[in-house]
Amino acid sequence: MYIYLNGQIIRQEEAVISVFDHGFMYGLGLFETLRVYDGHPFLLDDHLKRLNDGLSELNIEKFYEREEAVSIIKALLSINNIENAYIRWNVSAGNGMIGLQTEPYTQPNTIVYIKHLPKAAGMVEKTGQIVTVPRNTPEGFFRLKSHHYLNNILAKREIGPEPTREGIFLTKEGYLAEGITSNIFWVVDGELYTPSLQTGILNGITRQFIVKLAQVYGVAVKEGIFSRDILASAKEIFATNSIQEIIPIKRIDKYEYKGKEGPVVTMLYNEYRKHTNQLWSVKELEGIREW
């Protein structure tokens, strides 16, 4: 497989960076994962905006435009002879001396990984599990999609490698937060609920898309701070991320849900699939006529 590293497309086995990269030494790095559908990088503009905002927060002097990103992604698709792919766009701070640096990072390392994905074949149900390790709070003012992943790794170890199990974090106060690598939603009395960003969760790109999609199609959305007790009243629960799309949850603890038979999750998934080959940003949904 070929990947991109700092302006060159090379075999993945040949990719190297310095041991003095502060992304390695101090975790100063960010990444975005997105899915390419038949050559189209879905919601690329939103992923790049979140990445660019995070780079500014980390004092890394780099800004990515759509044209540059599309050129790199197309080149990777072509040389690897694939059309549907998992993309990880990774930016680390670059080299520095031993010790914490306050000056801007002016030569970051950009790595774009790619992996073949089969065409989406419908929703796959999972079982939810509340993990005992609490969701850590953001290290800054808001959660970045950063290299700091120990909290996620500990939670993943707790639920084990089983791919049909979805781990769900609570905050240290016991409020619902997010999945290990996903955001969560549930349906009560026909309304869609999701934890507020005030809980310290990542503002997932697919999360943003689902919130807007629901609003466009007349489903009320409530964001807030909720205890796990609300799950007893839910009829549907699902998780979202950019690679797995929409993941219906069939059961959490003793509670059973409608899974992929749920009417709200089915509607959202069907509408989601209509846009994957064309949209660059969530904002483009604003042109769709409401019911």
C-alpha atoms as a PDB file:
ATOM      1  CA  MET A   1       0.000   0.000   0.000  1.00  0.00           C
ATOM      2  CA  TYR A   2       1.174   3.532  -0.799  1.00  0.00           C
ATOM      3  CA  ILE A   3       0.713   6.451   1.614  1.00  0.00           C
ATOM      4  CA  TYR A   4       1.499  10.174   1.575  1.00  0.00           C
ATOM      5  CA  LEU A   5       4.309  11.696   3.640  1.00  0.00           C
ATOM      6  CA  ASN A   6       5.328  15.358   3.444  1.00  0.00           C
ATOM      7  CA  GLY A   7       4.791  15.881  -0.262  1.00  0.00           C
ATOM      8  CA  GLN A   8       5.705  12.393  -1.463  1.00  0.00           C
ATOM      9  CA  ILE A   9       3.720   9.251  -2.136  1.00  0.00           C
ATOM     10  CA  ILE A  10       5.746   6.291  -0.961  1.00  0.00           C
ATOM     11  CA  ARG A  11       5.317   2.659   0.031  1.00  0.00           C
ATOM     12  CA  GLN A  12       4.102   2.468   3.606  1.00  0.00           C
ATOM     13  CA  GLU A  13       7.112   0.352   4.570  1.00  0.00           C
ATOM     14  CA  GLU A  14       9.400   3.247   3.613  1.00  0.00           C
ATOM     15  CA  ALA A  15       7.709   5.899   5.763  1.00  0.00           C
ATOM     16  CA  VAL A  16       9.830   7.294   8.615  1.00  0.00           C
ATOM     17  CA  ILE A  17       9.809  10.363  10.856  1.00  0.00           C
ATOM     18  CA  SER A  18      12.292  11.606  13.438  1.00  0.00           C
ATOM     19  CA  VAL A  19      12.290  10.387  17.036  1.00  0.00           C
ATOM     20  CA  PHE A  20      12.408  14.109  17.921  1.00  0.00           C
ATOM     21  CA  ASP A  21       8.946  14.723  16.465  1.00  0.00           C
ATOM     22  CA  HIS A  22       6.928  16.330  19.262  1.00  0.00           C
ATOM     23  CA  GLY A  23       3.890  14.413  18.084  1.00  0.00           C
ATOM     24  CA  PHE A  24       5.738  11.330  19.299  1.00  0.00           C
ATOM     25  CA  MET A  25       7.448  12.891  22.309  1.00  0.00           C
ATOM     26  CA  TYR A  26       4.575  14.953  23.720  1.00  0.00           C
ATOM     27  CA  GLY A  27       1.448  13.919  21.823  1.00  0.00           C
ATOM     28  CA  LEU A  28       1.253  17.166  19.858  1.00  0.00           C
ATOM     29  CA  GLY A  29      -0.626  15.935  16.845  1.00  0.00           C
ATOM     30  CA  LEU A  30      -4.089  15.683  15.343  1.00  0.00           C
ATOM     31  CA  PHE A  31      -5.842  13.421  12.901  1.00  0.00           C
ATOM     32  CA  GLU A  32      -9.059  13.126  10.931  1.00  0.00           C
ATOM     33  CA  THR A  33     -10.641   9.943   9.668  1.00  0.00           C
ATOM     34  CA  LEU A  34     -13.026  10.104   6.739  1.00  0.00           C
ATOM     35  CA  ARG A  35     -14.552   7.789   4.219  1.00  0.00           C
ATOM     36  CA  VAL A  36     -14.243   7.950   0.436  1.00  0.00           C
ATOM     37  CA  TYR A  37     -17.280   6.743  -1.524  1.00  0.00           C
ATOM     38  CA  ASP A  38     -16.678   5.969  -5.208  1.00  0.00           C
ATOM     39  CA  GLY A  39     -13.867   8.492  -5.254  1.00  0.00           C
ATOM     40  CA  HIS A  40     -15.691  11.214  -3.292  1.00  0.00           C
ATOM     41  CA  PRO A  41     -14.267  12.243   0.137  1.00  0.00           C
ATOM     42  CA  PHE A  42     -17.503  12.673   2.087  1.00  0.00           C
ATOM     43  CA  LEU A  43     -17.755  15.887   4.187  1.00  0.00           C
ATOM     44  CA  LEU A  44     -14.101  16.691   3.512  1.00  0.00           C
ATOM     45  CA  ASP A  45     -14.574  20.433   4.123  1.00  0.00           C
ATOM     46  CA  ASP A  46     -15.852  19.802   7.648  1.00  0.00           C
ATOM     47  CA  HIS A  47     -13.005  17.455   8.468  1.00  0.00           C
ATOM     48  CA  LEU A  48     -10.470  19.997   7.222  1.00  0.00           C
ATOM     49  CA  LYS A  49     -12.088  22.823   9.191  1.00  0.00           C
ATOM     50  CA  ARG A  50     -11.902  20.831  12.422  1.00  0.00           C
ATOM     51  CA  LEU A  51      -8.311  19.873  11.644  1.00  0.00           C
ATOM     52  CA  ASN A  52      -7.289  23.451  10.829  1.00  0.00           C
ATOM     53  CA  ASP A  53      -8.978  24.804  13.971  1.00  0.00           C
ATOM     54  CA  GLY A  54      -7.142  22.229  16.060  1.00  0.00           C
ATOM     55  CA  LEU A  55      -3.793  23.018  14.459  1.00  0.00           C
ATOM     56  CA  SER A  56      -4.274  26.672  15.349  1.00  0.00           C
ATOM     57  CA  GLU A  57      -5.015  25.645  18.944  1.00  0.00           C
ATOM     58  CA  LEU A  58      -1.786  23.592  19.077  1.00  0.00           C
ATOM     59  CA  ASN A  59       0.295  26.419  17.566  1.00  0.00           C
ATOM     60  CA  ILE A  60       1.134  24.339  14.502  1.00  0.00           C
ATOM     61  CA  GLU A  61       1.515  26.573  11.457  1.00  0.00           C
ATOM     62  CA  LYS A  62      -0.233  24.576   8.775  1.00  0.00           C
ATOM     63  CA  PHE A  63      -3.522  25.065   6.924  1.00  0.00           C
ATOM     64  CA  TYR A  64      -5.082  22.595   4.495  1.00  0.00           C
ATOM     65  CA  GLU A  65      -7.353  23.599   1.609  1.00  0.00           C
ATOM     66  CA  ARG A  66      -9.819  21.335  -0.163  1.00  0.00           C
ATOM     67  CA  GLU A  67      -7.893  21.439  -3.437  1.00  0.00           C
ATOM     68  CA  GLU A  68      -4.671  20.172  -1.842  1.00  0.00           C
ATOM     69  CA  ALA A  69      -6.475  17.446   0.079  1.00  0.00           C
ATOM     70  CA  VAL A  70      -8.429  16.245  -2.954  1.00  0.00           C
ATOM     71  CA  SER A  71      -5.270  16.094  -5.031  1.00  0.00           C
ATOM     72  CA  ILE A  72      -3.526  13.940  -2.422  1.00  0.00           C
ATOM     73  CA  ILE A  73      -6.513  11.650  -1.915  1.00  0.00           C
ATOM     74  CA  LYS A  74      -7.046  11.163  -5.646  1.00  0.00           C
ATOM     75  CA  ALA A  75      -3.385  10.328  -6.126  1.00  0.00           C
ATOM     76  CA  LEU A  76      -3.550   7.731  -3.342  1.00  0.00           C
ATOM     77  CA  LEU A  77      -6.731   6.201  -4.731  1.00  0.00           C
ATOM     78  CA  SER A  78      -5.162   5.980  -8.162  1.00  0.00           C
ATOM     79  CA  ILE A  79      -1.814   4.464  -7.209  1.00  0.00           C
ATOM     80  CA  ASN A  80      -3.505   1.966  -4.877  1.00  0.00           C
ATOM     81  CA  ASN A  81      -6.189   1.220  -7.488  1.00  0.00           C
ATOM     82  CA  ILE A  82      -9.161   1.673  -5.152  1.00  0.00           C
ATOM     83  CA  GLU A  83     -12.301   3.849  -5.139  1.00  0.00           C
ATOM     84  CA  ASN A  84     -13.743   3.249  -1.666  1.00  0.00           C
ATOM     85  CA  ALA A  85     -11.407   3.915   1.205  1.00  0.00           C
ATOM     86  CA  TYR A  86     -10.677   4.762   4.803  1.00  0.00           C
ATOM     87  CA  ILE A  87      -8.518   7.897   5.011  1.00  0.00           C
ATOM     88  CA  ARG A  88      -6.576   8.982   8.082  1.00  0.00           C
ATOM     89  CA  TRP A  89      -5.142  12.488   7.692  1.00  0.00           C
ATOM     90  CA  ASN A  90      -2.490  12.825  10.375  1.00  0.00           C
ATOM     91  CA  VAL A  91      -0.491  15.927  11.334  1.00  0.00           C
ATOM     92  CA  SER A  92       2.189  15.905  14.017  1.00  0.00           C
ATOM     93  CA  ALA A  93       4.005  18.950  15.312  1.00  0.00           C
ATOM     94  CA  GLY A  94       7.378  18.139  13.813  1.00  0.00           C
ATOM     95  CA  ASN A  95      10.860  18.125  15.299  1.00  0.00           C
ATOM     96  CA  GLY A  96      11.900  19.997  18.430  1.00  0.00           C
ATOM     97  CA  MET A  97      14.380  19.869  21.243  1.00  0.00           C
ATOM     98  CA  ILE A  98      13.833  17.843  24.402  1.00  0.00           C
ATOM     99  CA  GLY A  99      11.528  19.935  26.570  1.00  0.00           C
ATOM    100  CA  LEU A 100       8.242  21.751  26.150  1.00  0.00           C
ATOM    101  CA  GLN A 101       8.172  24.289  23.310  1.00  0.00           C
ATOM    102  CA  THR A 102       6.249  27.554  23.338  1.00  0.00           C
ATOM    103  CA  GLU A 103       7.280  28.787  19.890  1.00  0.00           C
ATOM    104  CA  PRO A 104       5.105  27.880  16.866  1.00  0.00           C
ATOM    105  CA  TYR A 105       5.810  24.625  15.051  1.00  0.00           C
ATOM    106  CA  THR A 106       6.620  25.590  11.482  1.00  0.00           C
ATOM    107  CA  GLN A 107       7.523  22.233   9.908  1.00  0.00           C
ATOM    108  CA  PRO A 108       4.884  19.677  10.886  1.00  0.00           C
ATOM    109  CA  ASN A 109       4.769  16.174   9.475  1.00  0.00           C
ATOM    110  CA  THR A 110       1.767  15.337   7.309  1.00  0.00           C
ATOM    111  CA  ILE A 111       0.942  11.670   6.844  1.00  0.00           C
ATOM    112  CA  VAL A 112      -2.104  10.487   4.898  1.00  0.00           C
ATOM    113  CA  TYR A 113      -2.885   6.810   5.422  1.00  0.00           C
ATOM    114  CA  ILE A 114      -5.294   4.906   3.202  1.00  0.00           C
ATOM    115  CA  LYS A 115      -7.024   1.540   3.512  1.00  0.00           C
ATOM    116  CA  HIS A 116      -9.435  -0.171   1.153  1.00  0.00           C
ATOM    117  CA  LEU A 117     -13.044  -0.425   2.334  1.00  0.00           C
ATOM    118  CA  PRO A 118     -15.806  -2.437   0.687  1.00  0.00           C
ATOM    119  CA  LYS A 119     -18.898  -0.562  -0.402  1.00  0.00           C
ATOM    120  CA  ALA A 120     -21.317   0.118   2.434  1.00  0.00           C
ATOM    121  CA  ALA A 121     -23.707  -2.814   2.783  1.00  0.00           C
ATOM    122  CA  GLY A 122     -26.257  -1.581   5.314  1.00  0.00           C
ATOM    123  CA  MET A 123     -26.340  -1.057   9.055  1.00  0.00           C
ATOM    124  CA  VAL A 124     -24.684  -3.532  11.405  1.00  0.00           C
ATOM    125  CA  GLU A 125     -26.166  -3.912  14.877  1.00  0.00           C
ATOM    126  CA  LYS A 126     -24.025  -3.932  17.991  1.00  0.00           C
ATOM    127  CA  THR A 127     -24.472  -4.483  21.705  1.00  0.00           C
ATOM    128  CA  GLY A 128     -23.691  -1.531  23.945  1.00  0.00           C
ATOM    129  CA  GLN A 129     -21.671  -1.699  27.141  1.00  0.00           C
ATOM    130  CA  ILE A 130     -21.193   1.086  29.683  1.00  0.00           C
ATOM    131  CA  VAL A 131     -17.498   1.082  30.542  1.00  0.00           C
ATOM    132  CA  THR A 132     -16.247   1.681  34.074  1.00  0.00           C
ATOM    133  CA  VAL A 133     -13.316   3.897  33.111  1.00  0.00           C
ATOM    134  CA  PRO A 134     -14.698   7.483  33.024  1.00  0.00           C
ATOM    135  CA  ARG A 135     -14.327   9.751  30.017  1.00  0.00           C
ATOM    136  CA  ASN A 136     -11.441  12.080  30.699  1.00  0.00           C
ATOM    137  CA  THR A 137     -12.030  15.805  30.394  1.00  0.00           C
ATOM    138  CA  PRO A 138     -10.537  17.747  27.464  1.00  0.00           C
ATOM    139  CA  GLU A 139      -6.981  18.877  28.099  1.00  0.00           C
ATOM    140  CA  GLY A 140      -7.821  22.307  26.712  1.00  0.00           C
ATOM    141  CA  PHE A 141     -11.020  24.295  26.319  1.00  0.00           C
ATOM    142  CA  PHE A 142     -12.595  21.749  23.973  1.00  0.00           C
ATOM    143  CA  ARG A 143     -11.817  18.197  22.877  1.00  0.00           C
ATOM    144  CA  LEU A 144      -9.414  17.861  19.971  1.00  0.00           C
ATOM    145  CA  LYS A 145      -9.120  14.762  17.804  1.00  0.00           C
ATOM    146  CA  SER A 146      -5.577  14.376  19.028  1.00  0.00           C
ATOM    147  CA  HIS A 147      -2.905  11.755  19.565  1.00  0.00           C
ATOM    148  CA  HIS A 148      -3.941  11.472  23.242  1.00  0.00           C
ATOM    149  CA  TYR A 149      -5.816   8.158  23.098  1.00  0.00           C
ATOM    150  CA  LEU A 150      -4.979   6.341  26.339  1.00  0.00           C
ATOM    151  CA  ASN A 151      -8.499   6.878  27.705  1.00  0.00           C
ATOM    152  CA  ASN A 152      -9.968   5.254  24.587  1.00  0.00           C
ATOM    153  CA  ILE A 153      -7.465   2.394  24.681  1.00  0.00           C
ATOM    154  CA  LEU A 154      -8.255   1.586  28.321  1.00  0.00           C
ATOM    155  CA  ALA A 155     -11.964   1.503  27.516  1.00  0.00           C
ATOM    156  CA  LYS A 156     -11.375  -0.715  24.488  1.00  0.00           C
ATOM    157  CA  ARG A 157      -9.365  -3.138  26.608  1.00  0.00           C
ATOM    158  CA  GLU A 158     -12.271  -3.270  29.026  1.00  0.00           C
ATOM    159  CA  ILE A 159     -14.805  -4.378  26.395  1.00  0.00           C
ATOM    160  CA  GLY A 160     -12.340  -6.573  24.528  1.00  0.00           C
ATOM    161  CA  PRO A 161     -11.762  -7.142  20.802  1.00  0.00           C
ATOM    162  CA  GLU A 162     -15.291  -8.314  19.927  1.00  0.00           C
ATOM    163  CA  PRO A 163     -16.298  -6.089  16.935  1.00  0.00           C
ATOM    164  CA  THR A 164     -20.043  -6.302  17.666  1.00  0.00           C
ATOM    165  CA  ARG A 165     -19.682  -4.602  21.062  1.00  0.00           C
ATOM    166  CA  GLU A 166     -19.782  -0.788  21.408  1.00  0.00           C
ATOM    167  CA  GLY A 167     -18.286   0.750  24.553  1.00  0.00           C
ATOM    168  CA  ILE A 168     -19.998   3.834  25.996  1.00  0.00           C
ATOM    169  CA  PHE A 169     -18.295   6.340  28.286  1.00  0.00           C
ATOM    170  CA  LEU A 170     -19.842   8.175  31.207  1.00  0.00           C
ATOM    171  CA  THR A 171     -18.324  11.388  32.538  1.00  0.00           C
ATOM    172  CA  LYS A 172     -16.724  11.246  35.985  1.00  0.00           C
ATOM    173  CA  GLU A 173     -20.020  12.671  37.305  1.00  0.00           C
ATOM    174  CA  GLY A 174     -21.898   9.732  35.774  1.00  0.00           C
ATOM    175  CA  TYR A 175     -23.506  11.474  32.774  1.00  0.00           C
ATOM    176  CA  LEU A 176     -23.695   9.924  29.323  1.00  0.00           C
ATOM    177  CA  ALA A 177     -20.799  11.044  27.128  1.00  0.00           C
ATOM    178  CA  GLU A 178     -19.841   9.167  23.946  1.00  0.00           C
ATOM    179  CA  GLY A 179     -18.658   5.884  22.511  1.00  0.00           C
ATOM    180  CA  ILE A 180     -15.040   4.803  22.526  1.00  0.00           C
ATOM    181  CA  THR A 181     -14.655   6.054  18.939  1.00  0.00           C
ATOM    182  CA  SER A 182     -18.153   7.348  18.287  1.00  0.00           C
ATOM    183  CA  ASN A 183     -20.920   9.709  19.336  1.00  0.00           C
ATOM    184  CA  ILE A 184     -24.206   8.380  20.683  1.00  0.00           C
ATOM    185  CA  PHE A 185     -27.894   9.165  20.073  1.00  0.00           C
ATOM    186  CA  TRP A 186     -31.163   7.771  21.377  1.00  0.00           C
ATOM    187  CA  VAL A 187     -34.861   8.236  20.662  1.00  0.00           C
ATOM    188  CA  VAL A 188     -37.507   8.965  23.310  1.00  0.00           C
ATOM    189  CA  ASP A 189     -41.110   9.688  22.234  1.00  0.00           C
ATOM    190  CA  GLY A 190     -40.014  10.307  18.654  1.00  0.00           C
ATOM    191  CA  GLU A 191     -37.398  12.914  19.617  1.00  0.00           C
ATOM    192  CA  LEU A 192     -33.662  12.498  19.109  1.00  0.00           C
ATOM    193  CA  TYR A 193     -31.332  12.993  22.086  1.00  0.00           C
ATOM    194  CA  THR A 194     -27.563  13.314  22.229  1.00  0.00           C
ATOM    195  CA  PRO A 195     -25.096  14.481  24.903  1.00  0.00           C
ATOM    196  CA  SER A 196     -24.111  18.132  24.818  1.00  0.00           C
ATOM    197  CA  LEU A 197     -20.609  19.254  23.946  1.00  0.00           C
ATOM    198  CA  GLN A 198     -20.538  20.578  27.521  1.00  0.00           C
ATOM    199  CA  THR A 199     -19.866  16.996  28.648  1.00  0.00           C
ATOM    200  CA  GLY A 200     -16.456  17.274  26.969  1.00  0.00           C
ATOM    201  CA  ILE A 201     -17.146  14.966  24.035  1.00  0.00           C
ATOM    202  CA  LEU A 202     -15.693  15.285  20.561  1.00  0.00           C
ATOM    203  CA  ASN A 203     -17.920  17.198  18.167  1.00  0.00           C
ATOM    204  CA  GLY A 204     -17.936  14.398  15.609  1.00  0.00           C
ATOM    205  CA  ILE A 205     -18.434  15.284  11.954  1.00  0.00           C
ATOM    206  CA  THR A 206     -21.007  12.501  11.543  1.00  0.00           C
ATOM    207  CA  ARG A 207     -22.638  13.725  14.778  1.00  0.00           C
ATOM    208  CA  GLN A 208     -23.021  17.184  13.217  1.00  0.00           C
ATOM    209  CA  PHE A 209     -24.393  15.656  10.028  1.00  0.00           C
ATOM    210  CA  ILE A 210     -26.989  13.526  11.850  1.00  0.00           C
ATOM    211  CA  VAL A 211     -28.172  16.474  13.970  1.00  0.00           C
ATOM    212  CA  LYS A 212     -28.698  18.591  10.845  1.00  0.00           C
ATOM    213  CA  LEU A 213     -30.231  15.708   8.890  1.00  0.00           C
ATOM    214  CA  ALA A 214     -32.740  15.054  11.669  1.00  0.00           C
ATOM    215  CA  GLN A 215     -33.687  18.722  11.837  1.00  0.00           C
ATOM    216  CA  VAL A 216     -34.135  18.949   8.071  1.00  0.00           C
ATOM    217  CA  TYR A 217     -36.504  15.976   8.115  1.00  0.00           C
ATOM    218  CA  GLY A 218     -38.599  17.199  11.005  1.00  0.00           C
ATOM    219  CA  VAL A 219     -37.152  15.220  13.928  1.00  0.00           C
ATOM    220  CA  ALA A 220     -36.687  17.332  17.075  1.00  0.00           C
ATOM    221  CA  VAL A 221     -33.150  17.167  18.478  1.00  0.00           C
ATOM    222  CA  LYS A 222     -32.353  17.697  22.153  1.00  0.00           C
ATOM    223  CA  GLU A 223     -28.758  18.161  23.275  1.00  0.00           C
ATOM    224  CA  GLY A 224     -28.094  18.155  26.993  1.00  0.00           C
ATOM    225  CA  ILE A 225     -26.582  16.542  30.059  1.00  0.00           C
ATOM    226  CA  PHE A 226     -28.296  13.229  30.753  1.00  0.00           C
ATOM    227  CA  SER A 227     -27.884  10.472  33.320  1.00  0.00           C
ATOM    228  CA  ARG A 228     -27.777   6.876  32.143  1.00  0.00           C
ATOM    229  CA  ASP A 229     -31.293   6.412  33.595  1.00  0.00           C
ATOM    230  CA  ILE A 230     -32.759   8.001  30.461  1.00  0.00           C
ATOM    231  CA  LEU A 231     -31.714   4.910  28.496  1.00  0.00           C
ATOM    232  CA  ALA A 232     -34.546   3.010  30.213  1.00  0.00           C
ATOM    233  CA  SER A 233     -37.045   5.223  28.349  1.00  0.00           C
ATOM    234  CA  ALA A 234     -35.352   5.017  24.951  1.00  0.00           C
ATOM    235  CA  LYS A 235     -36.802   3.001  22.073  1.00  0.00           C
ATOM    236  CA  GLU A 236     -33.810   3.350  19.779  1.00  0.00           C
ATOM    237  CA  ILE A 237     -30.100   3.920  20.408  1.00  0.00           C
ATOM    238  CA  PHE A 238     -27.339   4.258  17.869  1.00  0.00           C
ATOM    239  CA  ALA A 239     -23.736   5.386  17.587  1.00  0.00           C
ATOM    240  CA  THR A 240     -22.082   7.314  14.751  1.00  0.00           C
ATOM    241  CA  ASN A 241     -18.654   7.826  13.278  1.00  0.00           C
ATOM    242  CA  SER A 242     -17.277   8.612   9.841  1.00  0.00           C
ATOM    243  CA  ILE A 243     -16.121   5.092   9.006  1.00  0.00           C
ATOM    244  CA  GLN A 244     -18.897   2.917  10.457  1.00  0.00           C
ATOM    245  CA  GLU A 245     -21.574   5.523   9.647  1.00  0.00           C
ATOM    246  CA  ILE A 246     -24.653   4.730  11.782  1.00  0.00           C
ATOM    247  CA  ILE A 247     -24.469   1.825  14.243  1.00  0.00           C
ATOM    248  CA  PRO A 248     -27.774   0.642  15.792  1.00  0.00           C
ATOM    249  CA  ILE A 249     -27.512  -0.639  19.358  1.00  0.00           C
ATOM    250  CA  LYS A 250     -29.703  -3.644  20.133  1.00  0.00           C
ATOM    251  CA  ARG A 251     -29.062  -3.941  23.861  1.00  0.00           C
ATOM    252  CA  ILE A 252     -27.351  -2.167  26.772  1.00  0.00           C
ATOM    253  CA  ASP A 253     -27.272  -4.054  30.063  1.00  0.00           C
ATOM    254  CA  LYS A 254     -30.833  -5.308  30.686  1.00  0.00           C
ATOM    255  CA  TYR A 255     -32.458  -2.901  28.214  1.00  0.00           C
ATOM    256  CA  GLU A 256     -33.506  -4.013  24.724  1.00  0.00           C
ATOM    257  CA  TYR A 257     -33.911  -1.605  21.789  1.00  0.00           C
ATOM    258  CA  LYS A 258     -35.227  -1.763  18.251  1.00  0.00           C
ATOM    259  CA  GLY A 259     -31.776  -1.882  16.690  1.00  0.00           C
ATOM    260  CA  LYS A 260     -31.793  -1.585  12.917  1.00  0.00           C
ATOM    261  CA  GLU A 261     -35.582  -1.994  12.908  1.00  0.00           C
ATOM    262  CA  GLY A 262     -36.013   1.394  14.565  1.00  0.00           C
ATOM    263  CA  PRO A 263     -37.938   3.844  12.331  1.00  0.00           C
ATOM    264  CA  VAL A 264     -35.815   6.892  13.180  1.00  0.00           C
ATOM    265  CA  VAL A 265     -32.449   5.194  12.686  1.00  0.00           C
ATOM    266  CA  THR A 266     -33.725   3.603   9.461  1.00  0.00           C
ATOM    267  CA  MET A 267     -34.861   6.947   8.087  1.00  0.00           C
ATOM    268  CA  LEU A 268     -31.613   8.663   9.035  1.00  0.00           C
ATOM    269  CA  TYR A 269     -29.511   5.893   7.526  1.00  0.00           C
ATOM    270  CA  ASN A 270     -31.451   5.873   4.256  1.00  0.00           C
ATOM    271  CA  GLU A 271     -31.108   9.638   3.936  1.00  0.00           C
ATOM    272  CA  TYR A 272     -27.450   9.525   4.950  1.00  0.00           C
ATOM    273  CA  ARG A 273     -26.695   7.077   2.153  1.00  0.00           C
ATOM    274  CA  LYS A 274     -28.232   9.433  -0.425  1.00  0.00           C
ATOM    275  CA  HIS A 275     -25.528  12.040   0.176  1.00  0.00           C
ATOM    276  CA  THR A 276     -22.279  10.135   0.595  1.00  0.00           C
ATOM    277  CA  ASN A 277     -21.205  10.479  -3.047  1.00  0.00           C
ATOM    278  CA  GLN A 278     -21.679  14.219  -3.300  1.00  0.00           C
ATOM    279  CA  LEU A 279     -21.593  16.413  -0.180  1.00  0.00           C
ATOM    280  CA  TRP A 280     -18.514  18.326   0.940  1.00  0.00           C
ATOM    281  CA  SER A 281     -20.051  19.881   4.050  1.00  0.00           C
ATOM    282  CA  VAL A 282     -22.966  19.568   6.477  1.00  0.00           C
ATOM    283  CA  LYS A 283     -24.024  23.088   5.443  1.00  0.00           C
ATOM    284  CA  GLU A 284     -25.107  21.766   2.048  1.00  0.00           C
ATOM    285  CA  LEU A 285     -28.035  19.993   3.758  1.00  0.00           C
ATOM    286  CA  GLU A 286     -29.660  23.376   4.322  1.00  0.00           C
ATOM    287  CA  GLY A 287     -30.848  23.363   0.716  1.00  0.00           C
ATOM    288  CA  ILE A 288     -32.965  20.234   1.168  1.00  0.00           C
ATOM    289  CA  ARG A 289     -36.710  20.798   1.448  1.00  0.00           C
ATOM    290  CA  GLU A 290     -38.181  19.886   4.805  1.00  0.00           C
ATOM    291  CA  TRP A 291     -41.097  17.465   5.091  1.00  0.00           C
END
